[in-house]
Amino acid sequence: MAKVTSSFSMFMEEAGETGKAYMNMVMQQAQLSALDKKTHELAYISVLSAIKMNSGMDFHVKSAKELGASRDEIKSAVLVGLPVVGITLTDALEAALKAYDEE
């Protein structure tokens, strides 16, 4: 799998049928979403930020960028949870903007 973290790759390799079932669920959930693909990715980035899961940030930011998301949209997606989650989002902001700025 291209562009995924080594830990996710290991999960997919080692989890066998569980990994396949997980990916099927992820793909089906994305296909059934009423959100367009870019908005779906921006929402996903918001959730990753809120739960402090920066390991998937690079993949999803680059995906959102490929779908036309601007740097400001990425920034806003990270910061949307600021009133609820608080200043802990600064780590996610750094990870997201570094990923966006990479070529």
Protein backbone atom coordinates (compact mmCIF):
# COMPACT_ATOMS: atom_id res chain seq x y z
CA MET A 1 0.00 0.00 0.00
CA ALA A 2 1.48 3.28 -1.10
CA LYS A 3 1.74 6.30 1.18
CA VAL A 4 0.62 4.54 4.38
CA THR A 5 2.54 4.34 7.64
CA SER A 6 4.72 1.36 8.38
CA SER A 7 2.47 0.48 11.33
CA PHE A 8 -0.62 0.41 9.11
CA SER A 9 1.22 -1.69 6.52
CA MET A 10 2.23 -4.11 9.25
CA PHE A 11 -1.37 -4.28 10.48
CA MET A 12 -2.57 -5.13 6.99
CA GLU A 13 0.13 -7.77 6.53
CA GLU A 14 -0.24 -9.38 9.94
CA ALA A 15 -3.98 -9.14 10.58
CA GLY A 16 -5.01 -11.37 7.68
CA GLU A 17 -8.78 -11.52 7.26
CA THR A 18 -9.27 -8.89 9.98
CA GLY A 19 -7.21 -6.40 7.94
CA LYS A 20 -9.19 -7.20 4.80
CA ALA A 21 -12.48 -6.81 6.67
CA TYR A 22 -11.29 -3.48 8.11
CA MET A 23 -10.34 -2.13 4.68
CA ASN A 24 -13.64 -3.30 3.20
CA MET A 25 -15.49 -1.40 5.95
CA VAL A 26 -13.39 1.72 5.39
CA MET A 27 -13.93 1.66 1.63
CA GLN A 28 -17.67 1.02 1.94
CA GLN A 29 -18.09 3.78 4.53
CA ALA A 30 -16.28 6.25 2.26
CA GLN A 31 -18.36 5.22 -0.77
CA LEU A 32 -21.62 5.62 1.16
CA SER A 33 -20.69 9.03 2.56
CA ALA A 34 -22.92 11.91 1.50
CA LEU A 35 -19.79 14.11 1.56
CA ASP A 36 -17.74 14.71 -1.54
CA LYS A 37 -14.27 13.12 -1.41
CA LYS A 38 -12.40 16.31 -0.52
CA THR A 39 -14.81 17.19 2.29
CA HIS A 40 -14.64 13.60 3.55
CA GLU A 41 -10.84 13.83 3.76
CA LEU A 42 -11.03 17.21 5.51
CA ALA A 43 -13.45 15.75 8.06
CA TYR A 44 -11.13 12.77 8.54
CA ILE A 45 -8.23 15.17 9.18
CA SER A 46 -10.36 16.92 11.81
CA VAL A 47 -11.02 13.61 13.57
CA LEU A 48 -7.36 12.56 13.40
CA SER A 49 -6.42 15.91 14.92
CA ALA A 50 -8.99 15.68 17.70
CA ILE A 51 -7.89 12.21 18.78
CA LYS A 52 -4.18 13.09 18.46
CA MET A 53 -3.53 10.41 15.84
CA ASN A 54 -0.86 12.06 13.73
CA SER A 55 0.37 8.78 12.25
CA GLY A 56 -2.29 8.90 9.53
CA MET A 57 -2.03 12.63 8.99
CA ASP A 58 0.48 12.53 6.14
CA PHE A 59 -1.62 10.10 4.08
CA HIS A 60 -4.91 11.97 4.51
CA VAL A 61 -3.47 15.47 4.05
CA LYS A 62 -1.80 14.42 0.81
CA SER A 63 -5.03 12.77 -0.31
CA ALA A 64 -7.00 15.95 0.46
CA LYS A 65 -4.39 18.04 -1.37
CA GLU A 66 -4.66 15.78 -4.44
CA LEU A 67 -8.44 16.32 -4.29
CA GLY A 68 -7.93 20.10 -4.42
CA ALA A 69 -7.80 21.10 -0.75
CA SER A 70 -5.86 24.28 -0.09
CA ARG A 71 -3.36 24.76 2.71
CA ASP A 72 -5.88 27.03 4.46
CA GLU A 73 -8.56 24.32 4.21
CA ILE A 74 -6.17 21.81 5.82
CA LYS A 75 -5.39 24.31 8.56
CA SER A 76 -9.08 24.97 9.16
CA ALA A 77 -9.84 21.23 9.25
CA VAL A 78 -7.24 20.76 11.99
CA LEU A 79 -8.39 23.77 13.99
CA VAL A 80 -12.15 23.14 13.73
CA GLY A 81 -11.99 21.20 17.00
CA LEU A 82 -10.02 23.86 18.88
CA PRO A 83 -12.96 25.04 21.04
CA VAL A 84 -13.65 21.48 22.18
CA VAL A 85 -10.23 19.80 22.18
CA GLY A 86 -8.06 22.79 23.01
CA ILE A 87 -4.45 23.65 22.38
CA THR A 88 -3.44 20.00 21.98
CA LEU A 89 -4.23 20.50 18.29
CA THR A 90 -0.90 22.28 17.79
CA ASP A 91 0.86 18.93 17.25
CA ALA A 92 -1.68 18.00 14.59
CA LEU A 93 -1.35 21.41 12.95
CA GLU A 94 2.40 20.97 12.65
CA ALA A 95 2.06 17.44 11.22
CA ALA A 96 -0.66 18.47 8.76
CA LEU A 97 1.11 21.55 7.40
CA LYS A 98 4.44 19.73 7.09
CA ALA A 99 2.68 17.02 5.08
CA TYR A 100 0.95 19.61 2.88
CA ASP A 101 4.15 21.51 2.19
CA GLU A 102 6.08 18.38 1.14
CA GLU A 103 6.37 17.82 -2.59
